[in-house]
């Protein structure tokens, strides 16, 4: 049986919405995607008992009140329903030792759920930051990231440098004590995280590989590693 993956969806005008790149990547990598909208916690509990891993997808800004800050004027749209559901999913998956992957907003949600904080707006809060919200097609890489050796991410790409796309203005500021940064943009912005504990599998990426892999197959590798890790753990 292929691993079953809960993929969180956006919630826009009372509709659950998810770009096809996410669920097609999970399927291509060998998993079965289950799109999971913001639901009540008792329902999410049951879903976590059914799936083998959780993928937190991209979307709107994370509410700064969740990491103890008032909003700056540059804060974008927030989704209270998504924030509540996804933070619950991350915490519960962490406690259950379920593998978790996060993309763009997803890496930010993981960090906040596990005790970290965010820059609410990079252009106004981080001096010298590069452009992280590109004016180019979604599949096109617009900046590089430096990957640390000896990490899962380095094993995935077998390279110290990866070219990525970029569609965000929030990013990790203070990292969770349960996470370690494993890749950085040229301006020092954290572009990827992994779990500190070797007993847990967490992979958070600040870019959007789901928007790239159909033109750049290398960007399917994070999804493949996610699925492989789940299979390995189930086979213990």
C-alpha atoms as a PDB file:
ATOM      1  CA  UNK A   1       0.000   0.000   0.000  1.00  0.00           C
ATOM      2  CA  UNK A   2       1.363   3.400  -0.968  1.00  0.00           C
ATOM      3  CA  UNK A   3       1.795   5.927   1.857  1.00  0.00           C
ATOM      4  CA  UNK A   4      -1.240   8.120   2.477  1.00  0.00           C
ATOM      5  CA  UNK A   5      -0.464  11.846   2.766  1.00  0.00           C
ATOM      6  CA  UNK A   6      -2.715  14.578   4.173  1.00  0.00           C
ATOM      7  CA  UNK A   7      -2.186  17.762   2.126  1.00  0.00           C
ATOM      8  CA  UNK A   8      -3.640  20.897   3.647  1.00  0.00           C
ATOM      9  CA  UNK A   9      -5.656  23.147   1.373  1.00  0.00           C
ATOM     10  CA  UNK A  10      -6.260  26.859   1.169  1.00  0.00           C
ATOM     11  CA  UNK A  11      -9.673  28.181   2.183  1.00  0.00           C
ATOM     12  CA  UNK A  12     -10.840  30.920  -0.173  1.00  0.00           C
ATOM     13  CA  UNK A  13     -14.398  32.278  -0.321  1.00  0.00           C
ATOM     14  CA  UNK A  14     -15.767  29.176   1.399  1.00  0.00           C
ATOM     15  CA  UNK A  15     -13.955  26.879  -1.028  1.00  0.00           C
ATOM     16  CA  UNK A  16     -11.106  24.443  -0.351  1.00  0.00           C
ATOM     17  CA  UNK A  17      -8.443  25.150  -2.988  1.00  0.00           C
ATOM     18  CA  UNK A  18      -5.117  23.460  -3.785  1.00  0.00           C
ATOM     19  CA  UNK A  19      -2.775  23.854  -6.758  1.00  0.00           C
ATOM     20  CA  UNK A  20      -2.461  20.599  -8.651  1.00  0.00           C
ATOM     21  CA  UNK A  21       1.344  20.628  -8.440  1.00  0.00           C
ATOM     22  CA  UNK A  22       1.158  19.481  -4.813  1.00  0.00           C
ATOM     23  CA  UNK A  23      -1.046  16.429  -5.184  1.00  0.00           C
ATOM     24  CA  UNK A  24       0.444  15.428  -8.528  1.00  0.00           C
ATOM     25  CA  UNK A  25       3.937  15.569  -6.995  1.00  0.00           C
ATOM     26  CA  UNK A  26       2.860  13.337  -4.101  1.00  0.00           C
ATOM     27  CA  UNK A  27       1.303  10.863  -6.534  1.00  0.00           C
ATOM     28  CA  UNK A  28       4.352  10.933  -8.830  1.00  0.00           C
ATOM     29  CA  UNK A  29       6.638  10.370  -5.822  1.00  0.00           C
ATOM     30  CA  UNK A  30       4.699   7.238  -4.837  1.00  0.00           C
ATOM     31  CA  UNK A  31       2.142   8.477  -2.320  1.00  0.00           C
ATOM     32  CA  UNK A  32      -1.650   8.793  -2.227  1.00  0.00           C
ATOM     33  CA  UNK A  33      -2.724  12.403  -1.622  1.00  0.00           C
ATOM     34  CA  UNK A  34      -5.703  13.247   0.580  1.00  0.00           C
ATOM     35  CA  UNK A  35      -6.664  16.916   0.414  1.00  0.00           C
ATOM     36  CA  UNK A  36      -7.453  18.138   3.925  1.00  0.00           C
ATOM     37  CA  UNK A  37      -9.306  21.445   4.403  1.00  0.00           C
ATOM     38  CA  UNK A  38      -9.461  23.290   7.724  1.00  0.00           C
ATOM     39  CA  UNK A  39     -11.632  21.015   9.888  1.00  0.00           C
ATOM     40  CA  UNK A  40     -12.463  20.606  13.554  1.00  0.00           C
ATOM     41  CA  UNK A  41      -9.743  19.148  15.746  1.00  0.00           C
ATOM     42  CA  UNK A  42     -11.626  15.925  16.487  1.00  0.00           C
ATOM     43  CA  UNK A  43     -11.849  15.262  12.732  1.00  0.00           C
ATOM     44  CA  UNK A  44      -8.176  16.102  12.200  1.00  0.00           C
ATOM     45  CA  UNK A  45      -7.328  13.655  14.987  1.00  0.00           C
ATOM     46  CA  UNK A  46      -9.069  10.880  13.050  1.00  0.00           C
ATOM     47  CA  UNK A  47      -7.346  11.888   9.823  1.00  0.00           C
ATOM     48  CA  UNK A  48      -3.956  11.679  11.546  1.00  0.00           C
ATOM     49  CA  UNK A  49      -4.824   8.158  12.651  1.00  0.00           C
ATOM     50  CA  UNK A  50      -5.421   7.240   9.009  1.00  0.00           C
ATOM     51  CA  UNK A  51      -2.571   8.902   7.117  1.00  0.00           C
ATOM     52  CA  UNK A  52       1.164   8.199   7.143  1.00  0.00           C
ATOM     53  CA  UNK A  53       2.436  11.764   6.751  1.00  0.00           C
ATOM     54  CA  UNK A  54       1.399  15.412   6.591  1.00  0.00           C
ATOM     55  CA  UNK A  55       2.257  18.052   3.989  1.00  0.00           C
ATOM     56  CA  UNK A  56       1.570  21.679   4.949  1.00  0.00           C
ATOM     57  CA  UNK A  57       1.163  23.635   1.724  1.00  0.00           C
ATOM     58  CA  UNK A  58       1.633  27.264   0.708  1.00  0.00           C
ATOM     59  CA  UNK A  59      -0.872  30.042   1.269  1.00  0.00           C
ATOM     60  CA  UNK A  60      -1.526  33.326   3.083  1.00  0.00           C
ATOM     61  CA  UNK A  61       0.426  34.946   5.904  1.00  0.00           C
ATOM     62  CA  UNK A  62       0.622  33.417   9.363  1.00  0.00           C
ATOM     63  CA  UNK A  63      -1.099  35.527  12.036  1.00  0.00           C
ATOM     64  CA  UNK A  64       1.689  37.191  14.097  1.00  0.00           C
ATOM     65  CA  UNK A  65      -0.422  36.969  17.257  1.00  0.00           C
ATOM     66  CA  UNK A  66       0.416  33.260  17.171  1.00  0.00           C
ATOM     67  CA  UNK A  67       4.071  34.065  17.855  1.00  0.00           C
ATOM     68  CA  UNK A  68       3.456  36.941  20.245  1.00  0.00           C
ATOM     69  CA  UNK A  69       3.642  39.964  17.943  1.00  0.00           C
ATOM     70  CA  UNK A  70       1.199  42.631  16.848  1.00  0.00           C
ATOM     71  CA  UNK A  71       0.784  43.000  13.084  1.00  0.00           C
ATOM     72  CA  UNK A  72       2.964  45.394  11.094  1.00  0.00           C
ATOM     73  CA  UNK A  73       1.242  47.452   8.410  1.00  0.00           C
ATOM     74  CA  UNK A  74       2.828  45.330   5.649  1.00  0.00           C
ATOM     75  CA  UNK A  75       1.166  42.125   6.898  1.00  0.00           C
ATOM     76  CA  UNK A  76      -0.924  40.463   4.195  1.00  0.00           C
ATOM     77  CA  UNK A  77      -4.110  38.413   4.365  1.00  0.00           C
ATOM     78  CA  UNK A  78      -4.346  35.837   7.139  1.00  0.00           C
ATOM     79  CA  UNK A  79      -6.577  32.771   7.437  1.00  0.00           C
ATOM     80  CA  UNK A  80      -7.562  32.011  11.048  1.00  0.00           C
ATOM     81  CA  UNK A  81      -9.156  28.700  10.058  1.00  0.00           C
ATOM     82  CA  UNK A  82      -5.992  27.502   8.320  1.00  0.00           C
ATOM     83  CA  UNK A  83      -3.730  28.726  11.100  1.00  0.00           C
ATOM     84  CA  UNK A  84      -5.729  26.860  13.737  1.00  0.00           C
ATOM     85  CA  UNK A  85      -5.999  23.617  11.759  1.00  0.00           C
ATOM     86  CA  UNK A  86      -2.418  23.503  10.499  1.00  0.00           C
ATOM     87  CA  UNK A  87      -0.778  24.372  13.798  1.00  0.00           C
ATOM     88  CA  UNK A  88      -2.852  21.622  15.397  1.00  0.00           C
ATOM     89  CA  UNK A  89      -1.801  19.164  12.664  1.00  0.00           C
ATOM     90  CA  UNK A  90       1.893  19.982  13.080  1.00  0.00           C
ATOM     91  CA  UNK A  91       1.817  19.661  16.864  1.00  0.00           C
ATOM     92  CA  UNK A  92      -0.107  16.395  16.757  1.00  0.00           C
ATOM     93  CA  UNK A  93       2.044  14.933  13.981  1.00  0.00           C
ATOM     94  CA  UNK A  94       5.134  15.903  15.976  1.00  0.00           C
ATOM     95  CA  UNK A  95       3.777  14.158  19.079  1.00  0.00           C
ATOM     96  CA  UNK A  96       2.785  11.068  17.051  1.00  0.00           C
ATOM     97  CA  UNK A  97       6.173  11.008  15.269  1.00  0.00           C
ATOM     98  CA  UNK A  98       4.515  11.288  11.867  1.00  0.00           C
ATOM     99  CA  UNK A  99       6.756  12.642   9.077  1.00  0.00           C
ATOM    100  CA  UNK A 100       5.944  16.231   8.133  1.00  0.00           C
ATOM    101  CA  UNK A 101       6.846  18.263   5.063  1.00  0.00           C
ATOM    102  CA  UNK A 102       6.167  21.986   4.702  1.00  0.00           C
ATOM    103  CA  UNK A 103       6.305  24.248   1.654  1.00  0.00           C
ATOM    104  CA  UNK A 104       6.548  28.070   1.791  1.00  0.00           C
ATOM    105  CA  UNK A 105       3.805  28.952   4.300  1.00  0.00           C
ATOM    106  CA  UNK A 106       4.267  25.358   5.458  1.00  0.00           C
ATOM    107  CA  UNK A 107       7.831  25.878   6.728  1.00  0.00           C
ATOM    108  CA  UNK A 108       6.592  28.966   8.564  1.00  0.00           C
ATOM    109  CA  UNK A 109       3.648  27.145  10.167  1.00  0.00           C
ATOM    110  CA  UNK A 110       5.938  24.318  11.300  1.00  0.00           C
ATOM    111  CA  UNK A 111       8.324  26.808  12.897  1.00  0.00           C
ATOM    112  CA  UNK A 112       5.548  28.709  14.697  1.00  0.00           C
ATOM    113  CA  UNK A 113       3.773  25.534  15.827  1.00  0.00           C
ATOM    114  CA  UNK A 114       7.017  24.306  17.404  1.00  0.00           C
ATOM    115  CA  UNK A 115       7.835  27.569  19.202  1.00  0.00           C
ATOM    116  CA  UNK A 116       9.579  29.786  16.644  1.00  0.00           C
ATOM    117  CA  UNK A 117       8.761  33.206  15.180  1.00  0.00           C
ATOM    118  CA  UNK A 118       8.673  34.920  11.777  1.00  0.00           C
ATOM    119  CA  UNK A 119       9.606  38.067   9.976  1.00  0.00           C
ATOM    120  CA  UNK A 120       6.190  39.462   9.105  1.00  0.00           C
ATOM    121  CA  UNK A 121       7.568  41.316   6.083  1.00  0.00           C
ATOM    122  CA  UNK A 122      11.103  40.838   4.810  1.00  0.00           C
ATOM    123  CA  UNK A 123      11.446  44.065   2.759  1.00  0.00           C
ATOM    124  CA  UNK A 124      10.653  46.243   5.768  1.00  0.00           C
ATOM    125  CA  UNK A 125      12.146  44.126   8.563  1.00  0.00           C
ATOM    126  CA  UNK A 126      15.352  42.639   7.141  1.00  0.00           C
ATOM    127  CA  UNK A 127      17.869  45.148   5.843  1.00  0.00           C
ATOM    128  CA  UNK A 128      19.529  44.068   2.614  1.00  0.00           C
ATOM    129  CA  UNK A 129      17.064  41.311   1.806  1.00  0.00           C
ATOM    130  CA  UNK A 130      16.862  40.187  -1.809  1.00  0.00           C
ATOM    131  CA  UNK A 131      13.614  39.947  -3.769  1.00  0.00           C
ATOM    132  CA  UNK A 132      11.719  36.942  -2.399  1.00  0.00           C
ATOM    133  CA  UNK A 133       8.481  37.532  -4.306  1.00  0.00           C
ATOM    134  CA  UNK A 134       9.480  36.985  -7.900  1.00  0.00           C
ATOM    135  CA  UNK A 135       8.087  38.577 -11.048  1.00  0.00           C
ATOM    136  CA  UNK A 136       8.670  35.502 -13.182  1.00  0.00           C
ATOM    137  CA  UNK A 137       6.801  32.286 -14.067  1.00  0.00           C
ATOM    138  CA  UNK A 138       6.156  29.925 -11.168  1.00  0.00           C
ATOM    139  CA  UNK A 139       8.386  27.221 -12.623  1.00  0.00           C
ATOM    140  CA  UNK A 140      11.379  29.559 -13.068  1.00  0.00           C
ATOM    141  CA  UNK A 141      14.217  29.727 -10.520  1.00  0.00           C
ATOM    142  CA  UNK A 142      15.143  33.291  -9.523  1.00  0.00           C
ATOM    143  CA  UNK A 143      17.745  32.867  -6.769  1.00  0.00           C
ATOM    144  CA  UNK A 144      20.089  30.327  -5.238  1.00  0.00           C
ATOM    145  CA  UNK A 145      20.182  28.699  -1.815  1.00  0.00           C
ATOM    146  CA  UNK A 146      23.247  27.342  -0.043  1.00  0.00           C
ATOM    147  CA  UNK A 147      22.725  23.855   1.403  1.00  0.00           C
ATOM    148  CA  UNK A 148      24.693  22.633   4.405  1.00  0.00           C
ATOM    149  CA  UNK A 149      26.622  19.394   4.022  1.00  0.00           C
ATOM    150  CA  UNK A 150      25.711  16.474   6.245  1.00  0.00           C
ATOM    151  CA  UNK A 151      21.982  17.199   6.044  1.00  0.00           C
ATOM    152  CA  UNK A 152      19.033  15.358   4.549  1.00  0.00           C
ATOM    153  CA  UNK A 153      18.600  18.221   2.086  1.00  0.00           C
ATOM    154  CA  UNK A 154      22.182  17.810   0.891  1.00  0.00           C
ATOM    155  CA  UNK A 155      21.528  14.088   0.401  1.00  0.00           C
ATOM    156  CA  UNK A 156      18.404  14.934  -1.605  1.00  0.00           C
ATOM    157  CA  UNK A 157      20.106  17.308  -4.054  1.00  0.00           C
ATOM    158  CA  UNK A 158      23.719  16.129  -3.703  1.00  0.00           C
ATOM    159  CA  UNK A 159      24.774  19.741  -4.044  1.00  0.00           C
ATOM    160  CA  UNK A 160      25.700  22.737  -1.903  1.00  0.00           C
ATOM    161  CA  UNK A 161      23.747  25.045  -4.183  1.00  0.00           C
ATOM    162  CA  UNK A 162      20.184  24.771  -5.485  1.00  0.00           C
ATOM    163  CA  UNK A 163      18.313  27.212  -7.727  1.00  0.00           C
ATOM    164  CA  UNK A 164      14.791  27.926  -6.492  1.00  0.00           C
ATOM    165  CA  UNK A 165      11.697  29.988  -7.162  1.00  0.00           C
ATOM    166  CA  UNK A 166      10.392  32.406  -4.530  1.00  0.00           C
ATOM    167  CA  UNK A 167       6.902  33.639  -3.603  1.00  0.00           C
ATOM    168  CA  UNK A 168       6.893  34.944  -0.026  1.00  0.00           C
ATOM    169  CA  UNK A 169       7.440  37.991   2.151  1.00  0.00           C
ATOM    170  CA  UNK A 170       7.332  36.220   5.532  1.00  0.00           C
ATOM    171  CA  UNK A 171      10.184  33.965   6.671  1.00  0.00           C
ATOM    172  CA  UNK A 172      11.686  32.349   9.752  1.00  0.00           C
ATOM    173  CA  UNK A 173      13.148  34.814  12.262  1.00  0.00           C
ATOM    174  CA  UNK A 174      13.759  32.891  15.497  1.00  0.00           C
ATOM    175  CA  UNK A 175      13.965  29.203  14.778  1.00  0.00           C
ATOM    176  CA  UNK A 176      12.145  26.606  16.872  1.00  0.00           C
ATOM    177  CA  UNK A 177      14.326  24.662  19.344  1.00  0.00           C
ATOM    178  CA  UNK A 178      13.071  21.494  17.632  1.00  0.00           C
ATOM    179  CA  UNK A 179      14.386  22.575  14.221  1.00  0.00           C
ATOM    180  CA  UNK A 180      17.708  23.372  12.586  1.00  0.00           C
ATOM    181  CA  UNK A 181      18.319  25.543   9.541  1.00  0.00           C
ATOM    182  CA  UNK A 182      19.927  23.610   6.684  1.00  0.00           C
ATOM    183  CA  UNK A 183      19.818  26.070   3.765  1.00  0.00           C
ATOM    184  CA  UNK A 184      20.030  29.833   3.356  1.00  0.00           C
ATOM    185  CA  UNK A 185      19.323  32.455   0.695  1.00  0.00           C
ATOM    186  CA  UNK A 186      22.151  34.886  -0.213  1.00  0.00           C
ATOM    187  CA  UNK A 187      20.722  37.421   2.275  1.00  0.00           C
ATOM    188  CA  UNK A 188      20.740  34.918   5.141  1.00  0.00           C
ATOM    189  CA  UNK A 189      17.027  34.076   5.056  1.00  0.00           C
ATOM    190  CA  UNK A 190      16.379  30.489   6.183  1.00  0.00           C
ATOM    191  CA  UNK A 191      15.290  28.482   3.134  1.00  0.00           C
ATOM    192  CA  UNK A 192      15.030  24.989   4.647  1.00  0.00           C
ATOM    193  CA  UNK A 193      14.747  23.287   8.019  1.00  0.00           C
ATOM    194  CA  UNK A 194      14.969  19.779   9.392  1.00  0.00           C
ATOM    195  CA  UNK A 195      14.239  18.217  12.769  1.00  0.00           C
ATOM    196  CA  UNK A 196      16.945  18.397  15.427  1.00  0.00           C
ATOM    197  CA  UNK A 197      16.026  14.913  16.660  1.00  0.00           C
ATOM    198  CA  UNK A 198      17.008  12.039  14.393  1.00  0.00           C
ATOM    199  CA  UNK A 199      13.903  10.216  15.623  1.00  0.00           C
ATOM    200  CA  UNK A 200      11.681  12.663  13.738  1.00  0.00           C
ATOM    201  CA  UNK A 201      11.409  13.543  10.065  1.00  0.00           C
ATOM    202  CA  UNK A 202      10.612  17.167   9.287  1.00  0.00           C
ATOM    203  CA  UNK A 203      11.512  18.841   6.012  1.00  0.00           C
ATOM    204  CA  UNK A 204      10.485  22.455   5.496  1.00  0.00           C
ATOM    205  CA  UNK A 205      11.240  24.336   2.272  1.00  0.00           C
ATOM    206  CA  UNK A 206      10.697  28.067   1.772  1.00  0.00           C
ATOM    207  CA  UNK A 207      10.432  27.744  -2.006  1.00  0.00           C
ATOM    208  CA  UNK A 208       7.777  25.992  -4.137  1.00  0.00           C
ATOM    209  CA  UNK A 209       9.124  22.733  -5.617  1.00  0.00           C
ATOM    210  CA  UNK A 210       5.552  21.748  -6.541  1.00  0.00           C
ATOM    211  CA  UNK A 211       5.600  24.597  -9.060  1.00  0.00           C
ATOM    212  CA  UNK A 212       8.940  23.534 -10.572  1.00  0.00           C
ATOM    213  CA  UNK A 213       9.186  19.749 -10.763  1.00  0.00           C
ATOM    214  CA  UNK A 214       7.281  19.291 -14.016  1.00  0.00           C
ATOM    215  CA  UNK A 215       9.923  21.357 -15.826  1.00  0.00           C
ATOM    216  CA  UNK A 216      12.830  20.598 -13.474  1.00  0.00           C
ATOM    217  CA  UNK A 217      12.610  16.942 -12.309  1.00  0.00           C
ATOM    218  CA  UNK A 218      15.273  17.589  -9.643  1.00  0.00           C
ATOM    219  CA  UNK A 219      12.600  19.450  -7.665  1.00  0.00           C
ATOM    220  CA  UNK A 220      10.571  16.233  -7.323  1.00  0.00           C
ATOM    221  CA  UNK A 221      13.323  14.772  -5.144  1.00  0.00           C
ATOM    222  CA  UNK A 222      12.133  16.334  -1.838  1.00  0.00           C
ATOM    223  CA  UNK A 223       8.738  14.673  -2.339  1.00  0.00           C
ATOM    224  CA  UNK A 224      10.404  11.369  -3.182  1.00  0.00           C
ATOM    225  CA  UNK A 225      12.539  11.528  -0.040  1.00  0.00           C
ATOM    226  CA  UNK A 226       9.451  12.317   2.047  1.00  0.00           C
ATOM    227  CA  UNK A 227       7.676   9.227   0.707  1.00  0.00           C
ATOM    228  CA  UNK A 228      10.795   7.061   1.036  1.00  0.00           C
ATOM    229  CA  UNK A 229      11.182   8.083   4.674  1.00  0.00           C
ATOM    230  CA  UNK A 230       7.591   7.111   5.417  1.00  0.00           C
ATOM    231  CA  UNK A 231       8.071   3.713   3.765  1.00  0.00           C
ATOM    232  CA  UNK A 232      11.269   3.155   5.731  1.00  0.00           C
ATOM    233  CA  UNK A 233       9.586   3.968   9.029  1.00  0.00           C
ATOM    234  CA  UNK A 234       6.597   1.759   8.256  1.00  0.00           C
ATOM    235  CA  UNK A 235       8.939  -1.095   7.393  1.00  0.00           C
ATOM    236  CA  UNK A 236      10.748  -1.051  10.736  1.00  0.00           C
END
